[in-house]
C-alpha atoms as a PDB file:
ATOM      1  CA  MET A   1      -0.294  -0.340   0.273  1.00  0.00           C
ATOM      2  CA  SER A   2       1.157   3.871  -0.609  1.00  0.00           C
ATOM      3  CA  ARG A   3       2.958   5.778   2.112  1.00  0.00           C
ATOM      4  CA  GLY A   4       2.374   9.677   2.448  1.00  0.00           C
ATOM      5  CA  PRO A   5      -0.471  12.026   3.301  1.00  0.00           C
ATOM      6  CA  LEU A   6      -3.708  13.715   1.797  1.00  0.00           C
ATOM      7  CA  VAL A   7      -3.529  17.088   1.991  1.00  0.00           C
ATOM      8  CA  LEU A   8      -6.117  19.377   2.777  1.00  0.00           C
ATOM      9  CA  GLY A   9      -5.375  22.584   0.955  1.00  0.00           C
ATOM     10  CA  ASP A  10      -5.886  26.206   1.542  1.00  0.00           C
ATOM     11  CA  MET A  11      -8.520  28.925  -0.398  1.00  0.00           C
ATOM     12  CA  GLY A  12      -7.254  28.619  -4.017  1.00  0.00           C
ATOM     13  CA  HIS A  13      -4.898  25.602  -3.390  1.00  0.00           C
ATOM     14  CA  SER A  14      -3.199  24.756  -6.772  1.00  0.00           C
ATOM     15  CA  LEU A  15      -1.505  21.826  -7.300  1.00  0.00           C
ATOM     16  CA  CYS A  16       2.088  23.648  -8.286  1.00  0.00           C
ATOM     17  CA  ARG A  17       1.917  24.278  -4.390  1.00  0.00           C
ATOM     18  CA  LEU A  18       3.484  21.172  -3.688  1.00  0.00           C
ATOM     19  CA  ASN A  19       5.686  20.615  -6.701  1.00  0.00           C
ATOM     20  CA  ARG A  20       8.926  21.721  -4.685  1.00  0.00           C
ATOM     21  CA  ALA A  21       7.927  19.029  -1.892  1.00  0.00           C
ATOM     22  CA  ARG A  22       6.827  16.409  -4.205  1.00  0.00           C
ATOM     23  CA  ALA A  23      10.490  16.553  -6.341  1.00  0.00           C
ATOM     24  CA  THR A  24      11.696  15.972  -2.702  1.00  0.00           C
ATOM     25  CA  CYS A  25       9.760  12.944  -2.026  1.00  0.00           C
ATOM     26  CA  ARG A  26      10.938  10.984  -5.243  1.00  0.00           C
ATOM     27  CA  GLY A  27      13.013   7.841  -4.287  1.00  0.00           C
ATOM     28  CA  LEU A  28      11.614   7.963  -0.659  1.00  0.00           C
ATOM     29  CA  GLY A  29       9.073   5.726  -1.131  1.00  0.00           C
ATOM     30  CA  PHE A  30       6.666   7.856  -0.042  1.00  0.00           C
ATOM     31  CA  ASP A  31       3.987  10.415  -2.186  1.00  0.00           C
ATOM     32  CA  LEU A  32       1.845  13.380  -1.378  1.00  0.00           C
ATOM     33  CA  LYS A  33      -1.805  13.366  -2.324  1.00  0.00           C
ATOM     34  CA  GLU A  34      -3.924  16.026  -2.140  1.00  0.00           C
ATOM     35  CA  VAL A  35      -8.062  16.803  -2.271  1.00  0.00           C
ATOM     36  CA  LEU A  36      -8.680  18.083  -5.259  1.00  0.00           C
ATOM     37  CA  TYR A  37     -11.442  20.710  -3.968  1.00  0.00           C
ATOM     38  CA  PRO A  38     -14.703  21.374  -6.771  1.00  0.00           C
ATOM     39  CA  GLY A  39     -14.724  24.571  -8.897  1.00  0.00           C
ATOM     40  CA  PHE A  40     -10.613  24.683  -8.374  1.00  0.00           C
ATOM     41  CA  GLU A  41      -8.123  24.790 -11.113  1.00  0.00           C
ATOM     42  CA  GLY A  42     -10.707  24.799 -13.733  1.00  0.00           C
ATOM     43  CA  ARG A  43     -12.883  21.800 -12.215  1.00  0.00           C
ATOM     44  CA  PRO A  44     -16.860  21.814 -11.908  1.00  0.00           C
ATOM     45  CA  LEU A  45     -17.968  24.043  -9.023  1.00  0.00           C
ATOM     46  CA  ALA A  46     -20.477  22.298  -6.635  1.00  0.00           C
ATOM     47  CA  PRO A  47     -23.527  23.468  -6.472  1.00  0.00           C
ATOM     48  CA  SER A  48     -23.737  23.851  -2.475  1.00  0.00           C
ATOM     49  CA  PHE A  49     -21.306  23.081   0.313  1.00  0.00           C
ATOM     50  CA  ASP A  50     -22.940  20.069   1.173  1.00  0.00           C
ATOM     51  CA  ALA A  51     -22.222  18.921  -2.499  1.00  0.00           C
ATOM     52  CA  PHE A  52     -18.877  20.060  -2.105  1.00  0.00           C
ATOM     53  CA  MET A  53     -18.507  18.136   0.914  1.00  0.00           C
ATOM     54  CA  GLU A  54     -19.655  14.451  -0.594  1.00  0.00           C
ATOM     55  CA  GLN A  55     -16.815  15.047  -3.524  1.00  0.00           C
ATOM     56  CA  VAL A  56     -14.428  15.749  -0.777  1.00  0.00           C
ATOM     57  CA  GLU A  57     -15.129  12.297   1.524  1.00  0.00           C
ATOM     58  CA  LEU A  58     -15.308  10.167  -1.494  1.00  0.00           C
ATOM     59  CA  GLN A  59     -11.532  11.077  -2.422  1.00  0.00           C
ATOM     60  CA  VAL A  60     -10.690  10.603   1.419  1.00  0.00           C
ATOM     61  CA  ASP A  61     -12.244   7.693   1.638  1.00  0.00           C
ATOM     62  CA  VAL A  62     -10.312   6.498  -1.733  1.00  0.00           C
ATOM     63  CA  TYR A  63      -6.964   7.713  -0.040  1.00  0.00           C
ATOM     64  CA  ARG A  64      -8.277   5.624   3.260  1.00  0.00           C
ATOM     65  CA  LEU A  65      -8.192   2.703   1.415  1.00  0.00           C
ATOM     66  CA  SER A  66      -5.315   2.997  -0.314  1.00  0.00           C
ATOM     67  CA  HIS A  67      -2.725   3.668   2.404  1.00  0.00           C
ATOM     68  CA  SER A  68      -1.558   1.742   5.069  1.00  0.00           C
ATOM     69  CA  LYS A  69      -1.257   4.546   7.397  1.00  0.00           C
ATOM     70  CA  PRO A  70      -3.705   7.693   6.617  1.00  0.00           C
ATOM     71  CA  LEU A  71      -2.825  11.000   7.820  1.00  0.00           C
ATOM     72  CA  LEU A  72      -4.768  14.120   7.139  1.00  0.00           C
ATOM     73  CA  TYR A  73      -2.452  17.350   6.857  1.00  0.00           C
ATOM     74  CA  ALA A  74      -4.840  20.837   6.530  1.00  0.00           C
ATOM     75  CA  THR A  75      -3.876  24.027   6.432  1.00  0.00           C
ATOM     76  CA  GLY A  76      -6.152  27.156   6.166  1.00  0.00           C
ATOM     77  CA  PHE A  77      -9.271  26.283   4.994  1.00  0.00           C
ATOM     78  CA  GLY A  78      -8.460  22.999   4.687  1.00  0.00           C
ATOM     79  CA  SER A  79      -8.711  22.801   8.498  1.00  0.00           C
ATOM     80  CA  LEU A  80     -12.414  23.492   8.263  1.00  0.00           C
ATOM     81  CA  VAL A  81     -13.071  21.269   5.691  1.00  0.00           C
ATOM     82  CA  LEU A  82     -10.943  18.883   8.084  1.00  0.00           C
ATOM     83  CA  LEU A  83     -13.571  19.451  11.323  1.00  0.00           C
ATOM     84  CA  ALA A  84     -16.687  19.376   8.464  1.00  0.00           C
ATOM     85  CA  LEU A  85     -15.599  15.699   7.969  1.00  0.00           C
ATOM     86  CA  ARG A  86     -15.443  14.980  11.461  1.00  0.00           C
ATOM     87  CA  ALA A  87     -19.048  16.820  12.410  1.00  0.00           C
ATOM     88  CA  ARG A  88     -20.134  14.918   8.878  1.00  0.00           C
ATOM     89  CA  ALA A  89     -19.374  11.367  10.347  1.00  0.00           C
ATOM     90  CA  ASN A  90     -19.677   9.847   6.663  1.00  0.00           C
ATOM     91  CA  VAL A  91     -15.794   8.550   6.288  1.00  0.00           C
ATOM     92  CA  PRO A  92     -14.239   6.955   9.636  1.00  0.00           C
ATOM     93  CA  ASP A  93     -12.092   9.836  11.536  1.00  0.00           C
ATOM     94  CA  LEU A  94      -8.506   9.774  10.509  1.00  0.00           C
ATOM     95  CA  PRO A  95      -5.244  10.705  12.379  1.00  0.00           C
ATOM     96  CA  SER A  96      -4.745  14.436  11.626  1.00  0.00           C
ATOM     97  CA  ILE A  97      -2.732  17.262  11.513  1.00  0.00           C
ATOM     98  CA  ILE A  98      -3.360  20.911  11.363  1.00  0.00           C
ATOM     99  CA  GLN A  99      -0.608  23.275  10.208  1.00  0.00           C
ATOM    100  CA  GLY A 100      -1.338  26.708  11.957  1.00  0.00           C
ATOM    101  CA  ALA A 101      -4.498  27.927  13.224  1.00  0.00           C
ATOM    102  CA  VAL A 102      -8.144  26.958  12.443  1.00  0.00           C
ATOM    103  CA  PRO A 103      -9.283  30.014  10.779  1.00  0.00           C
ATOM    104  CA  TRP A 104     -12.058  30.538  13.215  1.00  0.00           C
ATOM    105  CA  GLU A 105     -12.261  33.909  13.980  1.00  0.00           C
ATOM    106  CA  THR A 106     -11.851  35.306  10.571  1.00  0.00           C
ATOM    107  CA  VAL A 107     -14.530  33.365   9.737  1.00  0.00           C
ATOM    108  CA  ARG A 108     -17.043  34.738  12.267  1.00  0.00           C
ATOM    109  CA  ALA A 109     -16.061  38.271  11.900  1.00  0.00           C
ATOM    110  CA  ARG A 110     -17.638  37.886   8.301  1.00  0.00           C
ATOM    111  CA  GLY A 111     -21.029  37.364   9.736  1.00  0.00           C
ATOM    112  CA  ALA A 112     -23.678  36.567   7.192  1.00  0.00           C
ATOM    113  CA  GLY A 113     -21.748  34.883   3.888  1.00  0.00           C
ATOM    114  CA  ASP A 114     -20.986  37.390   1.275  1.00  0.00           C
ATOM    115  CA  ALA A 115     -19.501  36.460  -1.904  1.00  0.00           C
ATOM    116  CA  SER A 116     -18.670  39.678  -2.934  1.00  0.00           C
ATOM    117  CA  SER A 117     -16.133  39.609  -0.477  1.00  0.00           C
ATOM    118  CA  GLY A 118     -14.479  37.052  -2.012  1.00  0.00           C
ATOM    119  CA  VAL A 119     -14.137  38.601  -5.478  1.00  0.00           C
ATOM    120  CA  GLN A 120     -12.382  41.511  -3.443  1.00  0.00           C
ATOM    121  CA  ASP A 121     -10.072  39.283  -2.046  1.00  0.00           C
ATOM    122  CA  GLN A 122      -9.463  37.451  -5.604  1.00  0.00           C
ATOM    123  CA  SER A 123      -8.865  40.685  -7.460  1.00  0.00           C
ATOM    124  CA  ARG A 124      -6.718  42.359  -4.692  1.00  0.00           C
ATOM    125  CA  LEU A 125      -4.783  38.719  -5.406  1.00  0.00           C
ATOM    126  CA  ALA A 126      -4.816  39.552  -9.306  1.00  0.00           C
ATOM    127  CA  ASP A 127      -2.678  42.792  -8.963  1.00  0.00           C
ATOM    128  CA  PRO A 128       0.629  42.447  -9.303  1.00  0.00           C
ATOM    129  CA  GLU A 129       2.009  44.832  -6.953  1.00  0.00           C
ATOM    130  CA  GLU A 130      -0.528  42.840  -4.433  1.00  0.00           C
ATOM    131  CA  GLN A 131       0.958  39.669  -5.638  1.00  0.00           C
ATOM    132  CA  GLU A 132       4.657  40.886  -5.166  1.00  0.00           C
ATOM    133  CA  ARG A 133       3.840  42.531  -1.299  1.00  0.00           C
ATOM    134  CA  PHE A 134       2.300  38.845  -0.708  1.00  0.00           C
ATOM    135  CA  MET A 135       5.351  36.790  -1.749  1.00  0.00           C
ATOM    136  CA  GLN A 136       7.842  39.400  -0.067  1.00  0.00           C
ATOM    137  CA  GLU A 137       5.781  38.977   3.346  1.00  0.00           C
ATOM    138  CA  HIS A 138       4.756  34.951   3.404  1.00  0.00           C
ATOM    139  CA  PHE A 139       7.631  33.122   0.869  1.00  0.00           C
ATOM    140  CA  PHE A 140      11.209  32.843   2.212  1.00  0.00           C
ATOM    141  CA  SER A 141      12.501  31.426  -1.012  1.00  0.00           C
ATOM    142  CA  PRO A 142      11.777  33.235  -3.724  1.00  0.00           C
ATOM    143  CA  LEU A 143       8.991  31.372  -6.337  1.00  0.00           C
ATOM    144  CA  ASP A 144      10.457  32.049 -10.008  1.00  0.00           C
ATOM    145  CA  ALA A 145       8.282  33.139 -12.708  1.00  0.00           C
ATOM    146  CA  ASP A 146       6.440  29.584 -13.543  1.00  0.00           C
ATOM    147  CA  GLU A 147       6.282  29.006 -10.113  1.00  0.00           C
ATOM    148  CA  ARG A 148       4.351  32.562  -9.191  1.00  0.00           C
ATOM    149  CA  ARG A 149       2.304  32.172 -12.302  1.00  0.00           C
ATOM    150  CA  ALA A 150       0.574  29.043 -10.834  1.00  0.00           C
ATOM    151  CA  PHE A 151       0.850  30.169  -7.239  1.00  0.00           C
ATOM    152  CA  PHE A 152      -1.381  32.950  -8.249  1.00  0.00           C
ATOM    153  CA  SER A 153      -3.478  31.598 -11.087  1.00  0.00           C
ATOM    154  CA  GLY A 154      -4.739  28.897  -8.552  1.00  0.00           C
ATOM    155  CA  ILE A 155      -6.442  31.628  -6.937  1.00  0.00           C
ATOM    156  CA  ALA A 156      -7.202  33.763 -10.169  1.00  0.00           C
ATOM    157  CA  THR A 157      -9.103  30.671 -11.908  1.00  0.00           C
ATOM    158  CA  CYS A 158     -11.191  28.981  -8.379  1.00  0.00           C
ATOM    159  CA  SER A 159     -14.487  29.266  -9.265  1.00  0.00           C
ATOM    160  CA  ALA A 160     -15.747  28.628  -6.043  1.00  0.00           C
ATOM    161  CA  TYR A 161     -14.151  31.173  -4.157  1.00  0.00           C
ATOM    162  CA  PRO A 162     -16.488  33.309  -3.846  1.00  0.00           C
ATOM    163  CA  HIS A 163     -19.332  30.525  -2.957  1.00  0.00           C
ATOM    164  CA  LEU A 164     -17.184  29.684   0.078  1.00  0.00           C
ATOM    165  CA  TYR A 165     -17.189  32.978   1.275  1.00  0.00           C
ATOM    166  CA  GLU A 166     -21.048  32.500   1.062  1.00  0.00           C
ATOM    167  CA  TRP A 167     -21.770  29.504   2.336  1.00  0.00           C
ATOM    168  CA  VAL A 168     -18.490  29.311   4.866  1.00  0.00           C
ATOM    169  CA  ASP A 169     -20.099  31.641   7.344  1.00  0.00           C
ATOM    170  CA  ALA A 170     -20.508  32.656  10.992  1.00  0.00           C
ATOM    171  CA  GLY A 171     -23.824  30.602  10.470  1.00  0.00           C
ATOM    172  CA  TRP A 172     -22.095  27.353   9.176  1.00  0.00           C
ATOM    173  CA  LEU A 173     -19.778  27.964  11.943  1.00  0.00           C
ATOM    174  CA  ALA A 174     -21.804  27.842  14.856  1.00  0.00           C
ATOM    175  CA  SER A 175     -23.711  24.649  13.039  1.00  0.00           C
ATOM    176  CA  LEU A 176     -20.268  23.111  12.847  1.00  0.00           C
ATOM    177  CA  GLU A 177     -19.748  23.981  16.767  1.00  0.00           C
ATOM    178  CA  GLY A 178     -22.689  22.327  17.528  1.00  0.00           C
ATOM    179  CA  ALA A 179     -22.020  18.888  15.513  1.00  0.00           C
ATOM    180  CA  LEU A 180     -18.765  18.807  17.006  1.00  0.00           C
ATOM    181  CA  ALA A 181     -20.571  19.226  20.354  1.00  0.00           C
ATOM    182  CA  GLY A 182     -22.694  16.380  20.127  1.00  0.00           C
ATOM    183  CA  ARG A 183     -19.456  14.315  19.281  1.00  0.00           C
ATOM    184  CA  PRO A 184     -17.060  14.622  21.295  1.00  0.00           C
ATOM    185  CA  PRO A 185     -14.516  12.007  19.697  1.00  0.00           C
ATOM    186  CA  ALA A 186     -14.938  14.152  16.467  1.00  0.00           C
ATOM    187  CA  ILE A 187     -12.062  15.974  17.820  1.00  0.00           C
ATOM    188  CA  ASP A 188      -9.947  13.667  18.849  1.00  0.00           C
ATOM    189  CA  ASP A 189      -6.751  12.428  17.381  1.00  0.00           C
ATOM    190  CA  ILE A 190      -5.611  15.865  16.127  1.00  0.00           C
ATOM    191  CA  ARG A 191      -2.329  17.513  16.680  1.00  0.00           C
ATOM    192  CA  VAL A 192      -1.546  21.285  16.048  1.00  0.00           C
ATOM    193  CA  TRP A 193       1.549  22.559  14.120  1.00  0.00           C
ATOM    194  CA  LEU A 194       2.359  26.354  14.791  1.00  0.00           C
ATOM    195  CA  CYS A 195       4.472  27.991  12.413  1.00  0.00           C
ATOM    196  CA  GLY A 196       6.825  30.383  14.256  1.00  0.00           C
ATOM    197  CA  GLN A 197       6.982  32.839  11.472  1.00  0.00           C
ATOM    198  CA  ASP A 198       3.572  32.402   9.848  1.00  0.00           C
ATOM    199  CA  GLU A 199       2.219  36.092   9.622  1.00  0.00           C
ATOM    200  CA  LEU A 200      -0.782  35.101   7.809  1.00  0.00           C
ATOM    201  CA  THR A 201      -2.329  33.311  11.062  1.00  0.00           C
ATOM    202  CA  ASP A 202      -1.660  33.837  14.521  1.00  0.00           C
ATOM    203  CA  GLU A 203      -1.978  32.307  17.635  1.00  0.00           C
ATOM    204  CA  GLU A 204      -4.891  34.192  19.177  1.00  0.00           C
ATOM    205  CA  GLU A 205      -6.887  32.671  16.177  1.00  0.00           C
ATOM    206  CA  HIS A 206      -6.009  29.106  17.347  1.00  0.00           C
ATOM    207  CA  ASP A 207      -6.567  30.004  20.955  1.00  0.00           C
ATOM    208  CA  ALA A 208     -10.147  30.893  19.816  1.00  0.00           C
ATOM    209  CA  ALA A 209     -10.722  27.484  17.839  1.00  0.00           C
ATOM    210  CA  LEU A 210      -9.771  25.353  20.898  1.00  0.00           C
ATOM    211  CA  ARG A 211     -12.060  27.679  23.441  1.00  0.00           C
ATOM    212  CA  ALA A 212     -14.946  27.145  20.628  1.00  0.00           C
ATOM    213  CA  LEU A 213     -14.569  23.676  21.069  1.00  0.00           C
ATOM    214  CA  GLY A 214     -13.443  22.804  23.984  1.00  0.00           C
ATOM    215  CA  ALA A 215     -10.556  20.996  22.230  1.00  0.00           C
ATOM    216  CA  GLU A 216      -7.192  20.238  23.948  1.00  0.00           C
ATOM    217  CA  TRP A 217      -5.029  19.578  21.145  1.00  0.00           C
ATOM    218  CA  PRO A 218      -1.184  18.403  21.469  1.00  0.00           C
ATOM    219  CA  THR A 219       0.306  21.241  19.440  1.00  0.00           C
ATOM    220  CA  GLU A 220       3.960  21.673  18.559  1.00  0.00           C
ATOM    221  CA  ARG A 221       5.815  24.970  17.372  1.00  0.00           C
ATOM    222  CA  ALA A 222       8.451  24.837  14.459  1.00  0.00           C
ATOM    223  CA  GLU A 223       9.935  28.039  15.164  1.00  0.00           C
ATOM    224  CA  HIS A 224      11.465  29.006  11.881  1.00  0.00           C
ATOM    225  CA  TRP A 225       8.710  27.631   9.571  1.00  0.00           C
ATOM    226  CA  GLY A 226       6.253  30.153   7.186  1.00  0.00           C
ATOM    227  CA  HIS A 227       3.028  30.000   6.313  1.00  0.00           C
ATOM    228  CA  PHE A 228       4.452  27.793   3.098  1.00  0.00           C
ATOM    229  CA  PRO A 229       6.838  25.559   4.532  1.00  0.00           C
ATOM    230  CA  TYR A 230       6.156  23.048   1.810  1.00  0.00           C
ATOM    231  CA  ILE A 231       7.732  25.685  -0.428  1.00  0.00           C
ATOM    232  CA  ASP A 232       9.691  27.471   1.704  1.00  0.00           C
ATOM    233  CA  ASP A 233      11.913  24.284   2.662  1.00  0.00           C
ATOM    234  CA  PRO A 234      10.333  21.041   1.995  1.00  0.00           C
ATOM    235  CA  GLY A 235      13.223  18.566   2.636  1.00  0.00           C
ATOM    236  CA  PRO A 236      12.553  19.346   6.913  1.00  0.00           C
ATOM    237  CA  TRP A 237       8.808  19.456   6.290  1.00  0.00           C
ATOM    238  CA  ILE A 238       8.682  16.133   4.707  1.00  0.00           C
ATOM    239  CA  GLY A 239      10.844  14.609   7.459  1.00  0.00           C
ATOM    240  CA  ALA A 240       8.448  15.953  10.073  1.00  0.00           C
ATOM    241  CA  ILE A 241       6.068  14.339   8.159  1.00  0.00           C
ATOM    242  CA  GLN A 242       7.586  11.111   8.319  1.00  0.00           C
ATOM    243  CA  ALA A 243       8.594  11.704  11.942  1.00  0.00           C
ATOM    244  CA  ALA A 244       4.827  11.880  12.504  1.00  0.00           C
ATOM    245  CA  GLY A 245       4.472   8.111  11.390  1.00  0.00           C
ATOM    246  CA  VAL A 246       3.052   8.173   7.893  1.00  0.00           C
END
């Protein structure tokens, strides 16, 4: 059977984000899989978040059956997908790592769903000057021209982007919180890796999720990691994944 984690990526996640890590994995008998979210990278859009999650569940179940030591690795929006998987309980719970904070307060602050906010966010990240600022602030290893183009194309071509701002709002978060409270084992077997140089998420956001869920997740801190350790320096990131027992 195969070895390696299944990645639940962030908003606008594109296959190119793991290219450096995949190259590092060659010859290690270790593979990186990722959930192919509907509405990302030109894939058909799901008509609802429920339909979105059904497609995610199918991929998680296929992965589970083909891997000897399955592990879900979630970051950003992917951590909310992970918790939704646990709440829905349509596939068996798998050991999981959340990188960074669950964006609990970020979603709560949105209030009612607003697709226009997603459109504005996409438009902002289509601006070359904003892209340059983002790269300077959040990447420690520069992207070449092709990598940069592919990275931001993942956001620009994500037809699900505004819909997720509409679907994943404060009301949805309250429903998720209630569903998880009604099934306490759903938040078990999750650990958190905080990244000491990550300026997109912070420990206050992490603490807010713990309080909301009554969770006591084991937490480690990688002081030298930024928001994209699998791009900045994939070797140590892969080593940490392997040490996690995948």
